[in-house]
């Protein structure tokens, strides 16, 4: 209603609600901007208007924020920011949507032990990916490095245009395995060196067996009676009979 125009005549046959709306539209709310400003907003509407994907520490100063921003910040602090929930419905356009997880999703394991894509209940063969999430917030382009865990099907959708870097502890495991392999090689080399040095020491040690000359000199130093027992009997010689031995015994007696 423009200024200077007289309001229309008040209709008589109206219900209470119609009369209320008639008075608001013609006498109280004179423009669409006033109607929009007076519309009642819920808390979720205020949070959606003032929500940010990431709040900087400097911006989190509650003294300089309005009550709407403080409400959005309180909601932001209740979110869990280790893994994201992804919407890959427009993956062919190279567009994805990400948000942080709520407490209920953390308790049920969605996004970590269950696929992080919306409406996906897969819990096997999950892989973690690092995503450089580029988004526009309040007209300014921003980016953030976030993590998502996806099943093989949604992993292909995430990497439909560009290959993302896989974030997994396997890289750390590979480094540890390489270090362990180096240590094993060093130990093998050291063991080989030790074994070769031991072999050299064994060859340098004198043998405990004495040479034959020493044995001969030792045998000559022994008395004659003991040397008899050292001599080996000659089995090849013919042994005397009992009669011959008896005759020798008699000859010894007669002499």
C-alpha atoms as a PDB file:
ATOM      1  CA  UNK A   1       0.000   0.000   0.000  1.00  0.00           C
ATOM      2  CA  UNK A   2       1.513   3.304  -1.031  1.00  0.00           C
ATOM      3  CA  UNK A   3       1.492   6.435   1.072  1.00  0.00           C
ATOM      4  CA  UNK A   4      -1.502   8.697   0.546  1.00  0.00           C
ATOM      5  CA  UNK A   5      -3.775   5.838  -0.448  1.00  0.00           C
ATOM      6  CA  UNK A   6      -6.739   5.236   1.792  1.00  0.00           C
ATOM      7  CA  UNK A   7      -7.050   1.726   3.231  1.00  0.00           C
ATOM      8  CA  UNK A   8      -9.798  -0.359   1.704  1.00  0.00           C
ATOM      9  CA  UNK A   9     -13.105  -0.628   3.435  1.00  0.00           C
ATOM     10  CA  UNK A  10     -13.215  -3.143   6.261  1.00  0.00           C
ATOM     11  CA  UNK A  11     -15.218  -6.182   5.197  1.00  0.00           C
ATOM     12  CA  UNK A  12     -17.955  -7.250   7.538  1.00  0.00           C
ATOM     13  CA  UNK A  13     -18.498 -10.943   6.890  1.00  0.00           C
ATOM     14  CA  UNK A  14     -15.040 -12.284   7.988  1.00  0.00           C
ATOM     15  CA  UNK A  15     -13.979 -14.897  10.484  1.00  0.00           C
ATOM     16  CA  UNK A  16     -11.673 -14.041  13.354  1.00  0.00           C
ATOM     17  CA  UNK A  17      -8.593 -15.412  11.599  1.00  0.00           C
ATOM     18  CA  UNK A  18      -9.419 -13.696   8.311  1.00  0.00           C
ATOM     19  CA  UNK A  19     -10.007 -10.431  10.141  1.00  0.00           C
ATOM     20  CA  UNK A  20      -6.651 -10.786  11.925  1.00  0.00           C
ATOM     21  CA  UNK A  21      -4.772 -11.385   8.674  1.00  0.00           C
ATOM     22  CA  UNK A  22      -6.641  -8.512   7.019  1.00  0.00           C
ATOM     23  CA  UNK A  23      -5.574  -6.085   9.721  1.00  0.00           C
ATOM     24  CA  UNK A  24      -1.949  -7.261   9.606  1.00  0.00           C
ATOM     25  CA  UNK A  25      -1.675  -7.012   5.848  1.00  0.00           C
ATOM     26  CA  UNK A  26      -3.326  -3.609   5.483  1.00  0.00           C
ATOM     27  CA  UNK A  27      -2.430  -1.738   8.647  1.00  0.00           C
ATOM     28  CA  UNK A  28       0.633  -3.372  10.297  1.00  0.00           C
ATOM     29  CA  UNK A  29       2.764  -4.998   7.584  1.00  0.00           C
ATOM     30  CA  UNK A  30       2.983  -2.482   4.839  1.00  0.00           C
ATOM     31  CA  UNK A  31       5.832  -4.066   2.763  1.00  0.00           C
ATOM     32  CA  UNK A  32       7.217  -7.571   1.963  1.00  0.00           C
ATOM     33  CA  UNK A  33      10.468  -6.712   3.812  1.00  0.00           C
ATOM     34  CA  UNK A  34       8.521  -6.105   7.013  1.00  0.00           C
ATOM     35  CA  UNK A  35       6.683  -9.387   6.522  1.00  0.00           C
ATOM     36  CA  UNK A  36      10.006 -11.271   6.134  1.00  0.00           C
ATOM     37  CA  UNK A  37      11.595  -9.555   9.130  1.00  0.00           C
ATOM     38  CA  UNK A  38       8.661 -10.346  11.390  1.00  0.00           C
ATOM     39  CA  UNK A  39       8.449 -13.999  10.404  1.00  0.00           C
ATOM     40  CA  UNK A  40       9.198 -16.278  13.333  1.00  0.00           C
ATOM     41  CA  UNK A  41      12.496 -18.246  13.111  1.00  0.00           C
ATOM     42  CA  UNK A  42      13.413 -21.451  14.836  1.00  0.00           C
ATOM     43  CA  UNK A  43      16.823 -22.206  16.325  1.00  0.00           C
ATOM     44  CA  UNK A  44      17.696 -24.482  13.427  1.00  0.00           C
ATOM     45  CA  UNK A  45      16.936 -21.665  10.995  1.00  0.00           C
ATOM     46  CA  UNK A  46      19.286 -19.339  12.877  1.00  0.00           C
ATOM     47  CA  UNK A  47      22.011 -22.021  12.930  1.00  0.00           C
ATOM     48  CA  UNK A  48      21.694 -22.633   9.196  1.00  0.00           C
ATOM     49  CA  UNK A  49      22.038 -18.942   8.469  1.00  0.00           C
ATOM     50  CA  UNK A  50      25.132 -18.484  10.656  1.00  0.00           C
ATOM     51  CA  UNK A  51      26.753 -21.897  10.373  1.00  0.00           C
ATOM     52  CA  UNK A  52      30.397 -22.195   9.312  1.00  0.00           C
ATOM     53  CA  UNK A  53      32.282 -25.299   8.294  1.00  0.00           C
ATOM     54  CA  UNK A  54      35.324 -24.144  10.296  1.00  0.00           C
ATOM     55  CA  UNK A  55      35.529 -21.510  12.988  1.00  0.00           C
ATOM     56  CA  UNK A  56      38.861 -19.826  13.563  1.00  0.00           C
ATOM     57  CA  UNK A  57      40.050 -19.319  17.128  1.00  0.00           C
ATOM     58  CA  UNK A  58      40.111 -15.584  16.641  1.00  0.00           C
ATOM     59  CA  UNK A  59      36.538 -15.575  15.341  1.00  0.00           C
ATOM     60  CA  UNK A  60      35.314 -17.616  18.303  1.00  0.00           C
ATOM     61  CA  UNK A  61      35.497 -14.593  20.597  1.00  0.00           C
ATOM     62  CA  UNK A  62      32.004 -14.595  22.104  1.00  0.00           C
ATOM     63  CA  UNK A  63      32.186 -10.941  23.141  1.00  0.00           C
ATOM     64  CA  UNK A  64      32.156  -9.682  19.557  1.00  0.00           C
ATOM     65  CA  UNK A  65      29.543 -12.141  18.224  1.00  0.00           C
ATOM     66  CA  UNK A  66      25.820 -11.704  17.966  1.00  0.00           C
ATOM     67  CA  UNK A  67      23.467 -14.098  19.709  1.00  0.00           C
ATOM     68  CA  UNK A  68      22.769 -15.839  16.392  1.00  0.00           C
ATOM     69  CA  UNK A  69      26.502 -16.420  15.821  1.00  0.00           C
ATOM     70  CA  UNK A  70      26.975 -17.594  19.408  1.00  0.00           C
ATOM     71  CA  UNK A  71      24.171 -20.116  18.899  1.00  0.00           C
ATOM     72  CA  UNK A  72      25.817 -21.403  15.710  1.00  0.00           C
ATOM     73  CA  UNK A  73      29.185 -21.596  17.498  1.00  0.00           C
ATOM     74  CA  UNK A  74      27.692 -23.637  20.346  1.00  0.00           C
ATOM     75  CA  UNK A  75      26.327 -26.100  17.792  1.00  0.00           C
ATOM     76  CA  UNK A  76      29.716 -26.214  16.032  1.00  0.00           C
ATOM     77  CA  UNK A  77      31.526 -27.107  19.261  1.00  0.00           C
ATOM     78  CA  UNK A  78      29.262 -30.127  19.746  1.00  0.00           C
ATOM     79  CA  UNK A  79      30.301 -31.639  16.424  1.00  0.00           C
ATOM     80  CA  UNK A  80      33.053 -34.262  16.068  1.00  0.00           C
ATOM     81  CA  UNK A  81      35.673 -33.224  13.532  1.00  0.00           C
ATOM     82  CA  UNK A  82      37.785 -36.342  12.975  1.00  0.00           C
ATOM     83  CA  UNK A  83      35.854 -37.779  10.009  1.00  0.00           C
ATOM     84  CA  UNK A  84      33.219 -36.286   7.696  1.00  0.00           C
ATOM     85  CA  UNK A  85      29.920 -37.485   6.284  1.00  0.00           C
ATOM     86  CA  UNK A  86      29.843 -37.182   2.481  1.00  0.00           C
ATOM     87  CA  UNK A  87      27.071 -36.683  -0.043  1.00  0.00           C
ATOM     88  CA  UNK A  88      28.283 -38.091  -3.383  1.00  0.00           C
ATOM     89  CA  UNK A  89      25.020 -37.857  -5.308  1.00  0.00           C
ATOM     90  CA  UNK A  90      26.612 -35.374  -7.782  1.00  0.00           C
ATOM     91  CA  UNK A  91      30.020 -37.027  -8.085  1.00  0.00           C
ATOM     92  CA  UNK A  92      29.862 -36.986 -11.900  1.00  0.00           C
ATOM     93  CA  UNK A  93      29.849 -33.174 -11.749  1.00  0.00           C
ATOM     94  CA  UNK A  94      32.894 -33.304  -9.465  1.00  0.00           C
ATOM     95  CA  UNK A  95      30.777 -31.856  -6.656  1.00  0.00           C
ATOM     96  CA  UNK A  96      30.546 -33.344  -3.186  1.00  0.00           C
ATOM     97  CA  UNK A  97      29.056 -32.146   0.078  1.00  0.00           C
ATOM     98  CA  UNK A  98      30.714 -32.736   3.448  1.00  0.00           C
ATOM     99  CA  UNK A  99      29.662 -32.155   7.011  1.00  0.00           C
ATOM    100  CA  UNK A 100      30.944 -33.087  10.453  1.00  0.00           C
ATOM    101  CA  UNK A 101      29.532 -35.961  12.465  1.00  0.00           C
ATOM    102  CA  UNK A 102      27.076 -35.617  15.310  1.00  0.00           C
ATOM    103  CA  UNK A 103      27.337 -37.387  18.659  1.00  0.00           C
ATOM    104  CA  UNK A 104      24.758 -40.022  17.695  1.00  0.00           C
ATOM    105  CA  UNK A 105      26.701 -40.863  14.537  1.00  0.00           C
ATOM    106  CA  UNK A 106      29.930 -41.209  16.513  1.00  0.00           C
ATOM    107  CA  UNK A 107      28.245 -43.576  18.994  1.00  0.00           C
ATOM    108  CA  UNK A 108      26.854 -45.791  16.218  1.00  0.00           C
ATOM    109  CA  UNK A 109      30.154 -45.727  14.297  1.00  0.00           C
ATOM    110  CA  UNK A 110      28.843 -43.992  11.178  1.00  0.00           C
ATOM    111  CA  UNK A 111      31.667 -42.389   9.256  1.00  0.00           C
ATOM    112  CA  UNK A 112      34.416 -44.440  10.929  1.00  0.00           C
ATOM    113  CA  UNK A 113      33.364 -48.088  11.295  1.00  0.00           C
ATOM    114  CA  UNK A 114      30.600 -47.660   8.725  1.00  0.00           C
ATOM    115  CA  UNK A 115      30.833 -46.040   5.305  1.00  0.00           C
ATOM    116  CA  UNK A 116      30.849 -42.252   5.549  1.00  0.00           C
ATOM    117  CA  UNK A 117      28.539 -41.806   2.564  1.00  0.00           C
ATOM    118  CA  UNK A 118      24.923 -40.932   3.279  1.00  0.00           C
ATOM    119  CA  UNK A 119      22.514 -43.868   3.455  1.00  0.00           C
ATOM    120  CA  UNK A 120      25.324 -46.457   3.099  1.00  0.00           C
ATOM    121  CA  UNK A 121      25.546 -49.171   5.751  1.00  0.00           C
ATOM    122  CA  UNK A 122      28.656 -50.958   4.413  1.00  0.00           C
ATOM    123  CA  UNK A 123      31.152 -51.895   7.169  1.00  0.00           C
ATOM    124  CA  UNK A 124      33.751 -53.943   5.272  1.00  0.00           C
ATOM    125  CA  UNK A 125      36.769 -52.927   3.168  1.00  0.00           C
ATOM    126  CA  UNK A 126      36.638 -49.307   4.321  1.00  0.00           C
ATOM    127  CA  UNK A 127      39.458 -46.957   3.324  1.00  0.00           C
ATOM    128  CA  UNK A 128      40.367 -43.520   4.649  1.00  0.00           C
ATOM    129  CA  UNK A 129      40.933 -40.643   2.247  1.00  0.00           C
ATOM    130  CA  UNK A 130      42.279 -37.124   2.597  1.00  0.00           C
ATOM    131  CA  UNK A 131      40.136 -34.635   0.698  1.00  0.00           C
ATOM    132  CA  UNK A 132      41.055 -31.034   0.005  1.00  0.00           C
ATOM    133  CA  UNK A 133      37.511 -29.733   0.433  1.00  0.00           C
ATOM    134  CA  UNK A 134      36.976 -26.471  -1.466  1.00  0.00           C
ATOM    135  CA  UNK A 135      33.800 -24.587  -0.656  1.00  0.00           C
ATOM    136  CA  UNK A 136      32.302 -21.095  -0.751  1.00  0.00           C
ATOM    137  CA  UNK A 137      31.148 -19.564   2.513  1.00  0.00           C
ATOM    138  CA  UNK A 138      29.580 -16.111   2.663  1.00  0.00           C
ATOM    139  CA  UNK A 139      30.836 -15.411  -0.848  1.00  0.00           C
ATOM    140  CA  UNK A 140      34.491 -16.238  -0.041  1.00  0.00           C
ATOM    141  CA  UNK A 141      36.254 -19.334  -1.436  1.00  0.00           C
ATOM    142  CA  UNK A 142      37.779 -21.488   1.309  1.00  0.00           C
ATOM    143  CA  UNK A 143      39.362 -24.904   1.573  1.00  0.00           C
ATOM    144  CA  UNK A 144      40.002 -27.428   4.318  1.00  0.00           C
ATOM    145  CA  UNK A 145      41.834 -30.761   4.482  1.00  0.00           C
ATOM    146  CA  UNK A 146      39.443 -33.364   5.890  1.00  0.00           C
ATOM    147  CA  UNK A 147      39.211 -37.160   6.177  1.00  0.00           C
ATOM    148  CA  UNK A 148      36.465 -39.519   5.049  1.00  0.00           C
ATOM    149  CA  UNK A 149      36.103 -43.308   5.273  1.00  0.00           C
ATOM    150  CA  UNK A 150      34.332 -44.931   2.346  1.00  0.00           C
ATOM    151  CA  UNK A 151      33.482 -48.356   0.982  1.00  0.00           C
ATOM    152  CA  UNK A 152      34.885 -49.480  -2.423  1.00  0.00           C
ATOM    153  CA  UNK A 153      31.781 -48.294  -4.329  1.00  0.00           C
ATOM    154  CA  UNK A 154      31.831 -44.773  -2.921  1.00  0.00           C
ATOM    155  CA  UNK A 155      35.624 -44.698  -3.134  1.00  0.00           C
ATOM    156  CA  UNK A 156      35.287 -44.952  -6.920  1.00  0.00           C
ATOM    157  CA  UNK A 157      32.747 -42.128  -6.855  1.00  0.00           C
ATOM    158  CA  UNK A 158      35.051 -39.946  -4.759  1.00  0.00           C
ATOM    159  CA  UNK A 159      37.928 -40.533  -7.196  1.00  0.00           C
ATOM    160  CA  UNK A 160      35.757 -40.232 -10.311  1.00  0.00           C
ATOM    161  CA  UNK A 161      37.588 -37.161 -11.652  1.00  0.00           C
ATOM    162  CA  UNK A 162      40.719 -36.792  -9.542  1.00  0.00           C
ATOM    163  CA  UNK A 163      42.693 -39.293  -7.502  1.00  0.00           C
ATOM    164  CA  UNK A 164      42.592 -38.386  -3.839  1.00  0.00           C
ATOM    165  CA  UNK A 165      45.403 -39.192  -1.484  1.00  0.00           C
ATOM    166  CA  UNK A 166      44.685 -42.165   0.682  1.00  0.00           C
ATOM    167  CA  UNK A 167      45.127 -41.453   4.339  1.00  0.00           C
ATOM    168  CA  UNK A 168      45.889 -44.657   6.161  1.00  0.00           C
ATOM    169  CA  UNK A 169      48.257 -45.920   8.707  1.00  0.00           C
ATOM    170  CA  UNK A 170      49.735 -48.133   6.024  1.00  0.00           C
ATOM    171  CA  UNK A 171      52.128 -45.323   5.086  1.00  0.00           C
ATOM    172  CA  UNK A 172      53.440 -45.353   8.618  1.00  0.00           C
ATOM    173  CA  UNK A 173      53.494 -49.130   8.532  1.00  0.00           C
ATOM    174  CA  UNK A 174      55.480 -49.057   5.289  1.00  0.00           C
ATOM    175  CA  UNK A 175      58.036 -46.723   6.861  1.00  0.00           C
ATOM    176  CA  UNK A 176      58.287 -48.960   9.908  1.00  0.00           C
ATOM    177  CA  UNK A 177      58.638 -52.027   7.689  1.00  0.00           C
ATOM    178  CA  UNK A 178      61.409 -50.343   5.708  1.00  0.00           C
ATOM    179  CA  UNK A 179      63.202 -49.447   8.919  1.00  0.00           C
ATOM    180  CA  UNK A 180      62.789 -52.988  10.218  1.00  0.00           C
ATOM    181  CA  UNK A 181      64.111 -54.372   6.916  1.00  0.00           C
ATOM    182  CA  UNK A 182      67.168 -52.134   7.153  1.00  0.00           C
ATOM    183  CA  UNK A 183      67.771 -53.313  10.720  1.00  0.00           C
ATOM    184  CA  UNK A 184      67.477 -56.943   9.608  1.00  0.00           C
ATOM    185  CA  UNK A 185      70.000 -56.387   6.813  1.00  0.00           C
ATOM    186  CA  UNK A 186      72.397 -54.687   9.220  1.00  0.00           C
ATOM    187  CA  UNK A 187      72.072 -57.568  11.654  1.00  0.00           C
ATOM    188  CA  UNK A 188      72.752 -60.085   8.875  1.00  0.00           C
ATOM    189  CA  UNK A 189      75.872 -58.188   7.818  1.00  0.00           C
ATOM    190  CA  UNK A 190      77.072 -57.958  11.418  1.00  0.00           C
ATOM    191  CA  UNK A 191      76.408 -61.682  11.964  1.00  0.00           C
ATOM    192  CA  UNK A 192      78.396 -62.528   8.826  1.00  0.00           C
ATOM    193  CA  UNK A 193      81.292 -60.377  10.007  1.00  0.00           C
ATOM    194  CA  UNK A 194      81.231 -62.031  13.434  1.00  0.00           C
ATOM    195  CA  UNK A 195      81.129 -65.540  11.936  1.00  0.00           C
ATOM    196  CA  UNK A 196      84.041 -64.751   9.582  1.00  0.00           C
ATOM    197  CA  UNK A 197      86.105 -63.356  12.467  1.00  0.00           C
ATOM    198  CA  UNK A 198      85.372 -66.507  14.518  1.00  0.00           C
ATOM    199  CA  UNK A 199      86.568 -68.706  11.632  1.00  0.00           C
ATOM    200  CA  UNK A 200      89.811 -66.727  11.408  1.00  0.00           C
ATOM    201  CA  UNK A 201      90.416 -67.193  15.137  1.00  0.00           C
ATOM    202  CA  UNK A 202      89.862 -70.952  14.857  1.00  0.00           C
ATOM    203  CA  UNK A 203      92.417 -71.270  12.054  1.00  0.00           C
ATOM    204  CA  UNK A 204      94.990 -69.249  14.009  1.00  0.00           C
ATOM    205  CA  UNK A 205      94.737 -71.447  17.155  1.00  0.00           C
ATOM    206  CA  UNK A 206      97.418 -74.223  17.347  1.00  0.00           C
ATOM    207  CA  UNK A 207      96.250 -77.805  17.281  1.00  0.00           C
ATOM    208  CA  UNK A 208      96.354 -79.755  20.497  1.00  0.00           C
ATOM    209  CA  UNK A 209      97.896 -82.828  18.822  1.00  0.00           C
ATOM    210  CA  UNK A 210     101.670 -82.941  19.056  1.00  0.00           C
ATOM    211  CA  UNK A 211     103.730 -83.773  15.949  1.00  0.00           C
ATOM    212  CA  UNK A 212     105.147 -87.309  15.528  1.00  0.00           C
ATOM    213  CA  UNK A 213     108.674 -86.184  16.459  1.00  0.00           C
ATOM    214  CA  UNK A 214     107.460 -85.010  19.845  1.00  0.00           C
ATOM    215  CA  UNK A 215     105.673 -88.341  20.336  1.00  0.00           C
ATOM    216  CA  UNK A 216     108.872 -90.234  19.482  1.00  0.00           C
ATOM    217  CA  UNK A 217     111.001 -88.197  21.862  1.00  0.00           C
ATOM    218  CA  UNK A 218     108.414 -88.667  24.604  1.00  0.00           C
ATOM    219  CA  UNK A 219     108.448 -92.429  24.020  1.00  0.00           C
ATOM    220  CA  UNK A 220     112.278 -92.532  24.192  1.00  0.00           C
ATOM    221  CA  UNK A 221     112.304 -90.712  27.508  1.00  0.00           C
ATOM    222  CA  UNK A 222     110.098 -93.419  29.092  1.00  0.00           C
ATOM    223  CA  UNK A 223     111.829 -96.447  30.827  1.00  0.00           C
ATOM    224  CA  UNK A 224     112.454 -99.684  28.921  1.00  0.00           C
ATOM    225  CA  UNK A 225     109.983-101.693  31.000  1.00  0.00           C
ATOM    226  CA  UNK A 226     107.181 -99.318  30.062  1.00  0.00           C
ATOM    227  CA  UNK A 227     108.229 -99.280  26.426  1.00  0.00           C
ATOM    228  CA  UNK A 228     107.513-103.031  26.258  1.00  0.00           C
ATOM    229  CA  UNK A 229     103.889-102.475  26.999  1.00  0.00           C
ATOM    230  CA  UNK A 230     103.734 -99.713  24.404  1.00  0.00           C
ATOM    231  CA  UNK A 231     104.888-102.003  21.606  1.00  0.00           C
ATOM    232  CA  UNK A 232     102.201-103.694  19.591  1.00  0.00           C
ATOM    233  CA  UNK A 233     102.530-107.493  19.214  1.00  0.00           C
ATOM    234  CA  UNK A 234     103.446-108.824  15.796  1.00  0.00           C
ATOM    235  CA  UNK A 235     100.616-111.123  14.927  1.00  0.00           C
ATOM    236  CA  UNK A 236     102.310-112.210  11.696  1.00  0.00           C
ATOM    237  CA  UNK A 237     105.157-114.101  13.516  1.00  0.00           C
ATOM    238  CA  UNK A 238     104.687-117.842  14.307  1.00  0.00           C
ATOM    239  CA  UNK A 239     103.862-118.481  17.945  1.00  0.00           C
ATOM    240  CA  UNK A 240     105.924-121.257  19.762  1.00  0.00           C
ATOM    241  CA  UNK A 241     104.154-124.430  20.840  1.00  0.00           C
ATOM    242  CA  UNK A 242     103.873-125.644  24.407  1.00  0.00           C
ATOM    243  CA  UNK A 243     106.570-128.285  23.937  1.00  0.00           C
ATOM    244  CA  UNK A 244     109.059-125.679  22.692  1.00  0.00           C
ATOM    245  CA  UNK A 245     108.274-123.439  25.637  1.00  0.00           C
ATOM    246  CA  UNK A 246     108.749-126.393  28.058  1.00  0.00           C
ATOM    247  CA  UNK A 247     112.132-127.274  26.556  1.00  0.00           C
ATOM    248  CA  UNK A 248     113.292-123.653  26.882  1.00  0.00           C
ATOM    249  CA  UNK A 249     112.153-123.665  30.510  1.00  0.00           C
ATOM    250  CA  UNK A 250     114.255-126.848  31.232  1.00  0.00           C
ATOM    251  CA  UNK A 251     117.300-125.391  29.492  1.00  0.00           C
ATOM    252  CA  UNK A 252     117.064-122.298  31.663  1.00  0.00           C
ATOM    253  CA  UNK A 253     116.968-124.508  34.786  1.00  0.00           C
ATOM    254  CA  UNK A 254     119.994-126.603  33.798  1.00  0.00           C
ATOM    255  CA  UNK A 255     122.179-123.615  32.897  1.00  0.00           C
END
